[in-house]
Amino acid sequence: MLSVLTGVLGVGLILTLAGFALVRLTGRLRVGVGVAWRYGLANVSRRGAGSVVQIVAFGLGLMVLLLLAVVRGDLLNDWRRSCRRCTQQLSHQTFARTSAMRCTHS
């Protein structure tokens, strides 16, 4: 659990640094683009902290989706195994109850 938390924090830190670098880069790119792009890039560089938060949130969301795609098979196999155990235990308990009921009613 600690390694997952460390990984998430590490990715968050990397995304934060990359976000700040991208926001600074957008401020320099405004010169050679059209009017609409200039307004958009100016807005990104003007609201730098908000843009970085959006980059980090988007990156962490993608990381979680990719992590789930990678461990999906293991999660499903563990779930199926636990369902089999629960089903077997329930069927044994039900059999024991119905057997006990038959013995008391006879």
PDB file of N, CA and C in Angstrom:
ATOM      1  N   MET A   1       0.825  -1.189   0.000  1.00  0.00           N
ATOM      2  CA  MET A   1       0.000   0.000   0.000  1.00  0.00           C
ATOM      3  C   MET A   1       0.870   1.255   0.000  1.00  0.00           C
ATOM      4  N   LEU A   2       1.951   1.186   0.752  1.00  0.00           N
ATOM      5  CA  LEU A   2       2.852   2.332   0.828  1.00  0.00           C
ATOM      6  C   LEU A   2       3.528   2.581  -0.516  1.00  0.00           C
ATOM      7  N   SER A   3       3.851   1.510  -1.241  1.00  0.00           N
ATOM      8  CA  SER A   3       4.501   1.682  -2.537  1.00  0.00           C
ATOM      9  C   SER A   3       3.550   2.323  -3.550  1.00  0.00           C
ATOM     10  N   VAL A   4       2.264   1.990  -3.465  1.00  0.00           N
ATOM     11  CA  VAL A   4       1.288   2.606  -4.376  1.00  0.00           C
ATOM     12  C   VAL A   4       1.168   4.091  -4.069  1.00  0.00           C
ATOM     13  N   LEU A   5       1.099   4.437  -2.781  1.00  0.00           N
ATOM     14  CA  LEU A   5       1.007   5.843  -2.391  1.00  0.00           C
ATOM     15  C   LEU A   5       2.250   6.610  -2.826  1.00  0.00           C
ATOM     16  N   THR A   6       3.409   5.997  -2.655  1.00  0.00           N
ATOM     17  CA  THR A   6       4.659   6.627  -3.086  1.00  0.00           C
ATOM     18  C   THR A   6       4.669   6.834  -4.599  1.00  0.00           C
ATOM     19  N   GLY A   7       4.182   5.840  -5.343  1.00  0.00           N
ATOM     20  CA  GLY A   7       4.116   5.969  -6.792  1.00  0.00           C
ATOM     21  C   GLY A   7       3.182   7.075  -7.236  1.00  0.00           C
ATOM     22  N   VAL A   8       2.027   7.172  -6.592  1.00  0.00           N
ATOM     23  CA  VAL A   8       1.063   8.221  -6.944  1.00  0.00           C
ATOM     24  C   VAL A   8       1.642   9.599  -6.637  1.00  0.00           C
ATOM     25  N   LEU A   9       2.278   9.729  -5.478  1.00  0.00           N
ATOM     26  CA  LEU A   9       2.895  11.013  -5.130  1.00  0.00           C
ATOM     27  C   LEU A   9       4.038  11.359  -6.088  1.00  0.00           C
ATOM     28  N   GLY A  10       4.821  10.352  -6.479  1.00  0.00           N
ATOM     29  CA  GLY A  10       5.908  10.592  -7.433  1.00  0.00           C
ATOM     30  C   GLY A  10       5.382  11.039  -8.783  1.00  0.00           C
ATOM     31  N   VAL A  11       4.347  10.370  -9.262  1.00  0.00           N
ATOM     32  CA  VAL A  11       3.750  10.765 -10.547  1.00  0.00           C
ATOM     33  C   VAL A  11       3.133  12.150 -10.434  1.00  0.00           C
ATOM     34  N   GLY A  12       2.501  12.435  -9.297  1.00  0.00           N
ATOM     35  CA  GLY A  12       1.933  13.772  -9.085  1.00  0.00           C
ATOM     36  C   GLY A  12       2.996  14.854  -9.112  1.00  0.00           C
ATOM     37  N   LEU A  13       4.135  14.580  -8.503  1.00  0.00           N
ATOM     38  CA  LEU A  13       5.237  15.543  -8.508  1.00  0.00           C
ATOM     39  C   LEU A  13       5.782  15.753  -9.921  1.00  0.00           C
ATOM     40  N   ILE A  14       5.955  14.670 -10.657  1.00  0.00           N
ATOM     41  CA  ILE A  14       6.445  14.777 -12.033  1.00  0.00           C
ATOM     42  C   ILE A  14       5.459  15.555 -12.900  1.00  0.00           C
ATOM     43  N   LEU A  15       4.165  15.267 -12.722  1.00  0.00           N
ATOM     44  CA  LEU A  15       3.153  15.988 -13.492  1.00  0.00           C
ATOM     45  C   LEU A  15       3.102  17.464 -13.116  1.00  0.00           C
ATOM     46  N   THR A  16       3.310  17.770 -11.854  1.00  0.00           N
ATOM     47  CA  THR A  16       3.336  19.174 -11.428  1.00  0.00           C
ATOM     48  C   THR A  16       4.490  19.918 -12.076  1.00  0.00           C
ATOM     49  N   LEU A  17       5.660  19.321 -12.054  1.00  0.00           N
ATOM     50  CA  LEU A  17       6.820  19.965 -12.687  1.00  0.00           C
ATOM     51  C   LEU A  17       6.624  20.114 -14.190  1.00  0.00           C
ATOM     52  N   ALA A  18       6.087  19.072 -14.822  1.00  0.00           N
ATOM     53  CA  ALA A  18       5.825  19.152 -16.257  1.00  0.00           C
ATOM     54  C   ALA A  18       4.758  20.205 -16.551  1.00  0.00           C
ATOM     55  N   GLY A  19       3.761  20.312 -15.682  1.00  0.00           N
ATOM     56  CA  GLY A  19       2.709  21.319 -15.867  1.00  0.00           C
ATOM     57  C   GLY A  19       3.258  22.725 -15.793  1.00  0.00           C
ATOM     58  N   PHE A  20       4.114  22.995 -14.791  1.00  0.00           N
ATOM     59  CA  PHE A  20       4.716  24.324 -14.699  1.00  0.00           C
ATOM     60  C   PHE A  20       5.579  24.621 -15.920  1.00  0.00           C
ATOM     61  N   ALA A  21       6.317  23.623 -16.393  1.00  0.00           N
ATOM     62  CA  ALA A  21       7.145  23.822 -17.589  1.00  0.00           C
ATOM     63  C   ALA A  21       6.276  24.111 -18.816  1.00  0.00           C
ATOM     64  N   LEU A  22       5.165  23.390 -18.952  1.00  0.00           N
ATOM     65  CA  LEU A  22       4.268  23.626 -20.089  1.00  0.00           C
ATOM     66  C   LEU A  22       3.610  24.996 -20.021  1.00  0.00           C
ATOM     67  N   VAL A  23       3.232  25.427 -18.824  1.00  0.00           N
ATOM     68  CA  VAL A  23       2.611  26.752 -18.679  1.00  0.00           C
ATOM     69  C   VAL A  23       3.611  27.844 -19.041  1.00  0.00           C
ATOM     70  N   ARG A  24       4.851  27.679 -18.623  1.00  0.00           N
ATOM     71  CA  ARG A  24       5.872  28.677 -18.993  1.00  0.00           C
ATOM     72  C   ARG A  24       6.130  28.668 -20.496  1.00  0.00           C
ATOM     73  N   LEU A  25       6.079  27.463 -21.079  1.00  0.00           N
ATOM     74  CA  LEU A  25       6.304  27.342 -22.514  1.00  0.00           C
ATOM     75  C   LEU A  25       5.180  28.006 -23.312  1.00  0.00           C
ATOM     76  N   THR A  26       3.956  27.919 -22.828  1.00  0.00           N
ATOM     77  CA  THR A  26       2.836  28.541 -23.547  1.00  0.00           C
ATOM     78  C   THR A  26       2.964  30.058 -23.578  1.00  0.00           C
ATOM     79  N   GLY A  27       3.559  30.623 -22.544  1.00  0.00           N
ATOM     80  CA  GLY A  27       3.780  32.072 -22.543  1.00  0.00           C
ATOM     81  C   GLY A  27       4.729  32.494 -23.654  1.00  0.00           C
ATOM     82  N   ARG A  28       5.664  31.658 -23.993  1.00  0.00           N
ATOM     83  CA  ARG A  28       6.629  31.995 -25.055  1.00  0.00           C
ATOM     84  C   ARG A  28       6.088  31.689 -26.454  1.00  0.00           C
ATOM     85  N   LEU A  29       5.129  30.770 -26.543  1.00  0.00           N
ATOM     86  CA  LEU A  29       4.592  30.376 -27.848  1.00  0.00           C
ATOM     87  C   LEU A  29       3.556  31.340 -28.398  1.00  0.00           C
ATOM     88  N   ARG A  30       3.131  32.293 -27.611  1.00  0.00           N
ATOM     89  CA  ARG A  30       2.065  33.208 -28.056  1.00  0.00           C
ATOM     90  C   ARG A  30       2.471  34.078 -29.228  1.00  0.00           C
ATOM     91  N   VAL A  31       3.735  34.253 -29.450  1.00  0.00           N
ATOM     92  CA  VAL A  31       4.195  35.206 -30.462  1.00  0.00           C
ATOM     93  C   VAL A  31       3.915  34.731 -31.884  1.00  0.00           C
ATOM     94  N   GLY A  32       4.142  33.457 -32.179  1.00  0.00           N
ATOM     95  CA  GLY A  32       4.069  33.011 -33.565  1.00  0.00           C
ATOM     96  C   GLY A  32       2.768  32.353 -33.973  1.00  0.00           C
ATOM     97  N   VAL A  33       1.668  32.601 -33.286  1.00  0.00           N
ATOM     98  CA  VAL A  33       0.409  31.927 -33.605  1.00  0.00           C
ATOM     99  C   VAL A  33      -0.667  32.958 -33.935  1.00  0.00           C
ATOM    100  N   GLY A  34      -1.830  32.445 -34.356  1.00  0.00           N
ATOM    101  CA  GLY A  34      -2.939  33.321 -34.712  1.00  0.00           C
ATOM    102  C   GLY A  34      -3.586  33.968 -33.496  1.00  0.00           C
ATOM    103  N   VAL A  35      -4.585  34.798 -33.777  1.00  0.00           N
ATOM    104  CA  VAL A  35      -5.227  35.573 -32.721  1.00  0.00           C
ATOM    105  C   VAL A  35      -5.958  34.676 -31.721  1.00  0.00           C
ATOM    106  N   ALA A  36      -6.721  33.705 -32.202  1.00  0.00           N
ATOM    107  CA  ALA A  36      -7.483  32.834 -31.303  1.00  0.00           C
ATOM    108  C   ALA A  36      -6.543  32.028 -30.412  1.00  0.00           C
ATOM    109  N   TRP A  37      -5.485  31.483 -31.012  1.00  0.00           N
ATOM    110  CA  TRP A  37      -4.515  30.723 -30.220  1.00  0.00           C
ATOM    111  C   TRP A  37      -3.823  31.634 -29.210  1.00  0.00           C
ATOM    112  N   ARG A  38      -3.559  32.870 -29.602  1.00  0.00           N
ATOM    113  CA  ARG A  38      -2.895  33.802 -28.702  1.00  0.00           C
ATOM    114  C   ARG A  38      -3.739  34.056 -27.450  1.00  0.00           C
ATOM    115  N   TYR A  39      -5.048  34.239 -27.638  1.00  0.00           N
ATOM    116  CA  TYR A  39      -5.931  34.438 -26.485  1.00  0.00           C
ATOM    117  C   TYR A  39      -5.985  33.180 -25.607  1.00  0.00           C
ATOM    118  N   GLY A  40      -6.071  32.031 -26.220  1.00  0.00           N
ATOM    119  CA  GLY A  40      -6.109  30.786 -25.459  1.00  0.00           C
ATOM    120  C   GLY A  40      -4.841  30.547 -24.663  1.00  0.00           C
ATOM    121  N   LEU A  41      -3.695  30.745 -25.314  1.00  0.00           N
ATOM    122  CA  LEU A  41      -2.414  30.545 -24.622  1.00  0.00           C
ATOM    123  C   LEU A  41      -2.189  31.602 -23.545  1.00  0.00           C
ATOM    124  N   ALA A  42      -2.667  32.812 -23.790  1.00  0.00           N
ATOM    125  CA  ALA A  42      -2.557  33.857 -22.760  1.00  0.00           C
ATOM    126  C   ALA A  42      -3.387  33.479 -21.541  1.00  0.00           C
ATOM    127  N   ASN A  43      -4.558  32.894 -21.762  1.00  0.00           N
ATOM    128  CA  ASN A  43      -5.406  32.474 -20.651  1.00  0.00           C
ATOM    129  C   ASN A  43      -4.736  31.354 -19.858  1.00  0.00           C
ATOM    130  N   VAL A  44      -4.101  30.422 -20.548  1.00  0.00           N
ATOM    131  CA  VAL A  44      -3.400  29.328 -19.857  1.00  0.00           C
ATOM    132  C   VAL A  44      -2.258  29.881 -19.013  1.00  0.00           C
ATOM    133  N   SER A  45      -1.479  30.798 -19.577  1.00  0.00           N
ATOM    134  CA  SER A  45      -0.335  31.321 -18.822  1.00  0.00           C
ATOM    135  C   SER A  45      -0.782  32.301 -17.740  1.00  0.00           C
ATOM    136  N   ARG A  46      -1.904  32.984 -17.922  1.00  0.00           N
ATOM    137  CA  ARG A  46      -2.406  33.914 -16.913  1.00  0.00           C
ATOM    138  C   ARG A  46      -2.919  33.160 -15.686  1.00  0.00           C
ATOM    139  N   ARG A  47      -3.589  32.056 -15.920  1.00  0.00           N
ATOM    140  CA  ARG A  47      -4.112  31.230 -14.819  1.00  0.00           C
ATOM    141  C   ARG A  47      -3.235  29.977 -14.683  1.00  0.00           C
ATOM    142  N   GLY A  48      -1.982  30.196 -14.389  1.00  0.00           N
ATOM    143  CA  GLY A  48      -0.996  29.120 -14.376  1.00  0.00           C
ATOM    144  C   GLY A  48      -1.272  28.043 -13.351  1.00  0.00           C
ATOM    145  N   ALA A  49      -1.622  28.435 -12.117  1.00  0.00           N
ATOM    146  CA  ALA A  49      -1.842  27.434 -11.061  1.00  0.00           C
ATOM    147  C   ALA A  49      -3.042  26.550 -11.398  1.00  0.00           C
ATOM    148  N   GLY A  50      -4.118  27.150 -11.885  1.00  0.00           N
ATOM    149  CA  GLY A  50      -5.292  26.366 -12.269  1.00  0.00           C
ATOM    150  C   GLY A  50      -4.995  25.415 -13.413  1.00  0.00           C
ATOM    151  N   SER A  51      -4.189  25.867 -14.358  1.00  0.00           N
ATOM    152  CA  SER A  51      -3.812  25.015 -15.481  1.00  0.00           C
ATOM    153  C   SER A  51      -2.963  23.834 -15.014  1.00  0.00           C
ATOM    154  N   VAL A  52      -2.067  24.081 -14.076  1.00  0.00           N
ATOM    155  CA  VAL A  52      -1.220  23.004 -13.546  1.00  0.00           C
ATOM    156  C   VAL A  52      -2.082  21.991 -12.795  1.00  0.00           C
ATOM    157  N   VAL A  53      -3.051  22.462 -12.019  1.00  0.00           N
ATOM    158  CA  VAL A  53      -3.945  21.553 -11.294  1.00  0.00           C
ATOM    159  C   VAL A  53      -4.712  20.677 -12.277  1.00  0.00           C
ATOM    160  N   GLN A  54      -5.176  21.255 -13.375  1.00  0.00           N
ATOM    161  CA  GLN A  54      -5.895  20.480 -14.380  1.00  0.00           C
ATOM    162  C   GLN A  54      -4.987  19.444 -15.036  1.00  0.00           C
ATOM    163  N   ILE A  55      -3.752  19.810 -15.308  1.00  0.00           N
ATOM    164  CA  ILE A  55      -2.802  18.868 -15.915  1.00  0.00           C
ATOM    165  C   ILE A  55      -2.529  17.710 -14.961  1.00  0.00           C
ATOM    166  N   VAL A  56      -2.327  18.014 -13.686  1.00  0.00           N
ATOM    167  CA  VAL A  56      -2.051  16.967 -12.690  1.00  0.00           C
ATOM    168  C   VAL A  56      -3.270  16.055 -12.536  1.00  0.00           C
ATOM    169  N   ALA A  57      -4.466  16.627 -12.457  1.00  0.00           N
ATOM    170  CA  ALA A  57      -5.678  15.814 -12.294  1.00  0.00           C
ATOM    171  C   ALA A  57      -5.896  14.913 -13.503  1.00  0.00           C
ATOM    172  N   PHE A  58      -5.710  15.440 -14.680  1.00  0.00           N
ATOM    173  CA  PHE A  58      -5.876  14.647 -15.898  1.00  0.00           C
ATOM    174  C   PHE A  58      -4.838  13.530 -15.959  1.00  0.00           C
ATOM    175  N   GLY A  59      -3.595  13.845 -15.619  1.00  0.00           N
ATOM    176  CA  GLY A  59      -2.528  12.839 -15.641  1.00  0.00           C
ATOM    177  C   GLY A  59      -2.751  11.735 -14.619  1.00  0.00           C
ATOM    178  N   LEU A  60      -3.178  12.105 -13.407  1.00  0.00           N
ATOM    179  CA  LEU A  60      -3.438  11.086 -12.383  1.00  0.00           C
ATOM    180  C   LEU A  60      -4.640  10.223 -12.760  1.00  0.00           C
ATOM    181  N   GLY A  61      -5.651  10.836 -13.369  1.00  0.00           N
ATOM    182  CA  GLY A  61      -6.802  10.059 -13.831  1.00  0.00           C
ATOM    183  C   GLY A  61      -6.405   9.042 -14.881  1.00  0.00           C
ATOM    184  N   LEU A  62      -5.580   9.453 -15.835  1.00  0.00           N
ATOM    185  CA  LEU A  62      -5.089   8.520 -16.848  1.00  0.00           C
ATOM    186  C   LEU A  62      -4.246   7.405 -16.228  1.00  0.00           C
ATOM    187  N   MET A  63      -3.438   7.771 -15.235  1.00  0.00           N
ATOM    188  CA  MET A  63      -2.603   6.762 -14.581  1.00  0.00           C
ATOM    189  C   MET A  63      -3.467   5.701 -13.885  1.00  0.00           C
ATOM    190  N   VAL A  64      -4.526   6.140 -13.208  1.00  0.00           N
ATOM    191  CA  VAL A  64      -5.404   5.198 -12.523  1.00  0.00           C
ATOM    192  C   VAL A  64      -6.112   4.295 -13.528  1.00  0.00           C
ATOM    193  N   LEU A  65      -6.570   4.858 -14.642  1.00  0.00           N
ATOM    194  CA  LEU A  65      -7.225   4.044 -15.666  1.00  0.00           C
ATOM    195  C   LEU A  65      -6.265   3.011 -16.256  1.00  0.00           C
ATOM    196  N   LEU A  66      -5.041   3.412 -16.515  1.00  0.00           N
ATOM    197  CA  LEU A  66      -4.053   2.469 -17.046  1.00  0.00           C
ATOM    198  C   LEU A  66      -3.688   1.401 -16.012  1.00  0.00           C
ATOM    199  N   LEU A  67      -3.595   1.797 -14.755  1.00  0.00           N
ATOM    200  CA  LEU A  67      -3.307   0.827 -13.692  1.00  0.00           C
ATOM    201  C   LEU A  67      -4.426  -0.203 -13.584  1.00  0.00           C
ATOM    202  N   LEU A  68      -5.677   0.250 -13.663  1.00  0.00           N
ATOM    203  CA  LEU A  68      -6.795  -0.684 -13.629  1.00  0.00           C
ATOM    204  C   LEU A  68      -6.790  -1.612 -14.839  1.00  0.00           C
ATOM    205  N   ALA A  69      -6.402  -1.091 -15.988  1.00  0.00           N
ATOM    206  CA  ALA A  69      -6.332  -1.937 -17.181  1.00  0.00           C
ATOM    207  C   ALA A  69      -5.268  -3.024 -17.018  1.00  0.00           C
ATOM    208  N   VAL A  70      -4.188  -2.696 -16.334  1.00  0.00           N
ATOM    209  CA  VAL A  70      -3.101  -3.659 -16.151  1.00  0.00           C
ATOM    210  C   VAL A  70      -3.475  -4.729 -15.128  1.00  0.00           C
ATOM    211  N   VAL A  71      -4.101  -4.349 -14.017  1.00  0.00           N
ATOM    212  CA  VAL A  71      -4.387  -5.311 -12.948  1.00  0.00           C
ATOM    213  C   VAL A  71      -5.799  -5.893 -13.031  1.00  0.00           C
ATOM    214  N   ARG A  72      -6.525  -5.604 -14.079  1.00  0.00           N
ATOM    215  CA  ARG A  72      -7.908  -6.047 -14.240  1.00  0.00           C
ATOM    216  C   ARG A  72      -8.050  -7.560 -14.128  1.00  0.00           C
ATOM    217  N   GLY A  73      -7.215  -8.288 -14.806  1.00  0.00           N
ATOM    218  CA  GLY A  73      -7.294  -9.746 -14.798  1.00  0.00           C
ATOM    219  C   GLY A  73      -7.091 -10.329 -13.411  1.00  0.00           C
ATOM    220  N   ASP A  74      -6.103  -9.812 -12.691  1.00  0.00           N
ATOM    221  CA  ASP A  74      -5.850 -10.300 -11.332  1.00  0.00           C
ATOM    222  C   ASP A  74      -7.020  -9.994 -10.404  1.00  0.00           C
ATOM    223  N   LEU A  75      -7.586  -8.794 -10.538  1.00  0.00           N
ATOM    224  CA  LEU A  75      -8.727  -8.442  -9.688  1.00  0.00           C
ATOM    225  C   LEU A  75      -9.919  -9.352  -9.953  1.00  0.00           C
ATOM    226  N   LEU A  76     -10.196  -9.615 -11.222  1.00  0.00           N
ATOM    227  CA  LEU A  76     -11.323 -10.485 -11.559  1.00  0.00           C
ATOM    228  C   LEU A  76     -11.095 -11.913 -11.082  1.00  0.00           C
ATOM    229  N   ASN A  77      -9.884 -12.422 -11.245  1.00  0.00           N
ATOM    230  CA  ASN A  77      -9.588 -13.785 -10.786  1.00  0.00           C
ATOM    231  C   ASN A  77      -9.734 -13.910  -9.272  1.00  0.00           C
ATOM    232  N   ASP A  78      -9.225 -12.928  -8.529  1.00  0.00           N
ATOM    233  CA  ASP A  78      -9.370 -12.956  -7.070  1.00  0.00           C
ATOM    234  C   ASP A  78     -10.832 -12.881  -6.664  1.00  0.00           C
ATOM    235  N   TRP A  79     -11.604 -12.059  -7.342  1.00  0.00           N
ATOM    236  CA  TRP A  79     -13.023 -11.925  -7.035  1.00  0.00           C
ATOM    237  C   TRP A  79     -13.769 -13.236  -7.302  1.00  0.00           C
ATOM    238  N   ARG A  80     -13.465 -13.868  -8.431  1.00  0.00           N
ATOM    239  CA  ARG A  80     -14.117 -15.146  -8.743  1.00  0.00           C
ATOM    240  C   ARG A  80     -13.761 -16.212  -7.709  1.00  0.00           C
ATOM    241  N   ARG A  81     -12.479 -16.234  -7.304  1.00  0.00           N
ATOM    242  CA  ARG A  81     -12.055 -17.197  -6.300  1.00  0.00           C
ATOM    243  C   ARG A  81     -12.778 -16.976  -4.977  1.00  0.00           C
ATOM    244  N   SER A  82     -12.919 -15.727  -4.570  1.00  0.00           N
ATOM    245  CA  SER A  82     -13.601 -15.439  -3.306  1.00  0.00           C
ATOM    246  C   SER A  82     -15.094 -15.742  -3.420  1.00  0.00           C
ATOM    247  N   CYS A  83     -15.691 -15.530  -4.586  1.00  0.00           N
ATOM    248  CA  CYS A  83     -17.109 -15.867  -4.770  1.00  0.00           C
ATOM    249  C   CYS A  83     -17.318 -17.371  -4.665  1.00  0.00           C
ATOM    250  N   ARG A  84     -16.424 -18.159  -5.221  1.00  0.00           N
ATOM    251  CA  ARG A  84     -16.542 -19.613  -5.129  1.00  0.00           C
ATOM    252  C   ARG A  84     -16.494 -20.068  -3.675  1.00  0.00           C
ATOM    253  N   ARG A  85     -15.556 -19.489  -2.905  1.00  0.00           N
ATOM    254  CA  ARG A  85     -15.449 -19.857  -1.493  1.00  0.00           C
ATOM    255  C   ARG A  85     -16.724 -19.490  -0.738  1.00  0.00           C
ATOM    256  N   CYS A  86     -17.253 -18.292  -0.977  1.00  0.00           N
ATOM    257  CA  CYS A  86     -18.476 -17.863  -0.292  1.00  0.00           C
ATOM    258  C   CYS A  86     -19.648 -18.743  -0.701  1.00  0.00           C
ATOM    259  N   THR A  87     -19.741 -19.069  -1.969  1.00  0.00           N
ATOM    260  CA  THR A  87     -20.839 -19.907  -2.448  1.00  0.00           C
ATOM    261  C   THR A  87     -20.753 -21.302  -1.842  1.00  0.00           C
ATOM    262  N   GLN A  88     -19.549 -21.852  -1.763  1.00  0.00           N
ATOM    263  CA  GLN A  88     -19.387 -23.177  -1.163  1.00  0.00           C
ATOM    264  C   GLN A  88     -19.761 -23.147   0.317  1.00  0.00           C
ATOM    265  N   GLN A  89     -19.339 -22.114   1.016  1.00  0.00           N
ATOM    266  CA  GLN A  89     -19.674 -22.019   2.431  1.00  0.00           C
ATOM    267  C   GLN A  89     -21.178 -21.875   2.623  1.00  0.00           C
ATOM    268  N   LEU A  90     -21.822 -21.055   1.783  1.00  0.00           N
ATOM    269  CA  LEU A  90     -23.268 -20.878   1.887  1.00  0.00           C
ATOM    270  C   LEU A  90     -24.006 -22.176   1.609  1.00  0.00           C
ATOM    271  N   SER A  91     -23.579 -22.913   0.595  1.00  0.00           N
ATOM    272  CA  SER A  91     -24.276 -24.154   0.268  1.00  0.00           C
ATOM    273  C   SER A  91     -24.102 -25.179   1.399  1.00  0.00           C
ATOM    274  N   HIS A  92     -22.920 -25.209   2.031  1.00  0.00           N
ATOM    275  CA  HIS A  92     -22.713 -26.120   3.155  1.00  0.00           C
ATOM    276  C   HIS A  92     -23.592 -25.722   4.346  1.00  0.00           C
ATOM    277  N   GLN A  93     -23.679 -24.414   4.597  1.00  0.00           N
ATOM    278  CA  GLN A  93     -24.506 -23.948   5.709  1.00  0.00           C
ATOM    279  C   GLN A  93     -25.983 -24.232   5.446  1.00  0.00           C
ATOM    280  N   THR A  94     -26.419 -24.006   4.212  1.00  0.00           N
ATOM    281  CA  THR A  94     -27.814 -24.255   3.857  1.00  0.00           C
ATOM    282  C   THR A  94     -28.129 -25.738   3.990  1.00  0.00           C
ATOM    283  N   PHE A  95     -27.218 -26.589   3.524  1.00  0.00           N
ATOM    284  CA  PHE A  95     -27.411 -28.036   3.634  1.00  0.00           C
ATOM    285  C   PHE A  95     -27.501 -28.453   5.097  1.00  0.00           C
ATOM    286  N   ALA A  96     -26.639 -27.878   5.925  1.00  0.00           N
ATOM    287  CA  ALA A  96     -26.643 -28.231   7.352  1.00  0.00           C
ATOM    288  C   ALA A  96     -27.948 -27.788   8.005  1.00  0.00           C
ATOM    289  N   ARG A  97     -28.447 -26.602   7.660  1.00  0.00           N
ATOM    290  CA  ARG A  97     -29.702 -26.118   8.231  1.00  0.00           C
ATOM    291  C   ARG A  97     -30.890 -26.971   7.802  1.00  0.00           C
ATOM    292  N   THR A  98     -30.951 -27.278   6.510  1.00  0.00           N
ATOM    293  CA  THR A  98     -32.080 -28.087   6.033  1.00  0.00           C
ATOM    294  C   THR A  98     -32.021 -29.503   6.597  1.00  0.00           C
ATOM    295  N   SER A  99     -30.815 -30.027   6.785  1.00  0.00           N
ATOM    296  CA  SER A  99     -30.688 -31.354   7.391  1.00  0.00           C
ATOM    297  C   SER A  99     -31.136 -31.316   8.837  1.00  0.00           C
ATOM    298  N   ALA A 100     -30.775 -30.263   9.549  1.00  0.00           N
ATOM    299  CA  ALA A 100     -31.182 -30.142  10.945  1.00  0.00           C
ATOM    300  C   ALA A 100     -32.685 -29.963  11.054  1.00  0.00           C
ATOM    301  N   MET A 101     -33.273 -29.233  10.126  1.00  0.00           N
ATOM    302  CA  MET A 101     -34.728 -29.036  10.152  1.00  0.00           C
ATOM    303  C   MET A 101     -35.449 -30.369   9.903  1.00  0.00           C
ATOM    304  N   ARG A 102     -34.933 -31.160   8.994  1.00  0.00           N
ATOM    305  CA  ARG A 102     -35.554 -32.448   8.706  1.00  0.00           C
ATOM    306  C   ARG A 102     -35.477 -33.367   9.917  1.00  0.00           C
ATOM    307  N   CYS A 103     -34.345 -33.312  10.624  1.00  0.00           N
ATOM    308  CA  CYS A 103     -34.177 -34.182  11.781  1.00  0.00           C
ATOM    309  C   CYS A 103     -35.119 -33.775  12.916  1.00  0.00           C
ATOM    310  N   THR A 104     -35.368 -32.501  13.111  1.00  0.00           N
ATOM    311  CA  THR A 104     -36.214 -32.052  14.214  1.00  0.00           C
ATOM    312  C   THR A 104     -37.689 -32.264  13.903  1.00  0.00           C
ATOM    313  N   HIS A 105     -38.080 -32.198  12.618  1.00  0.00           N
ATOM    314  CA  HIS A 105     -39.498 -32.353  12.252  1.00  0.00           C
ATOM    315  C   HIS A 105     -39.915 -33.796  12.137  1.00  0.00           C
ATOM    316  N   SER A 106     -39.009 -34.698  11.990  1.00  0.00           N
ATOM    317  CA  SER A 106     -39.377 -36.113  11.777  1.00  0.00           C
ATOM    318  C   SER A 106     -39.836 -36.809  13.010  1.00  0.00           C
TER     319      SER A 106
END
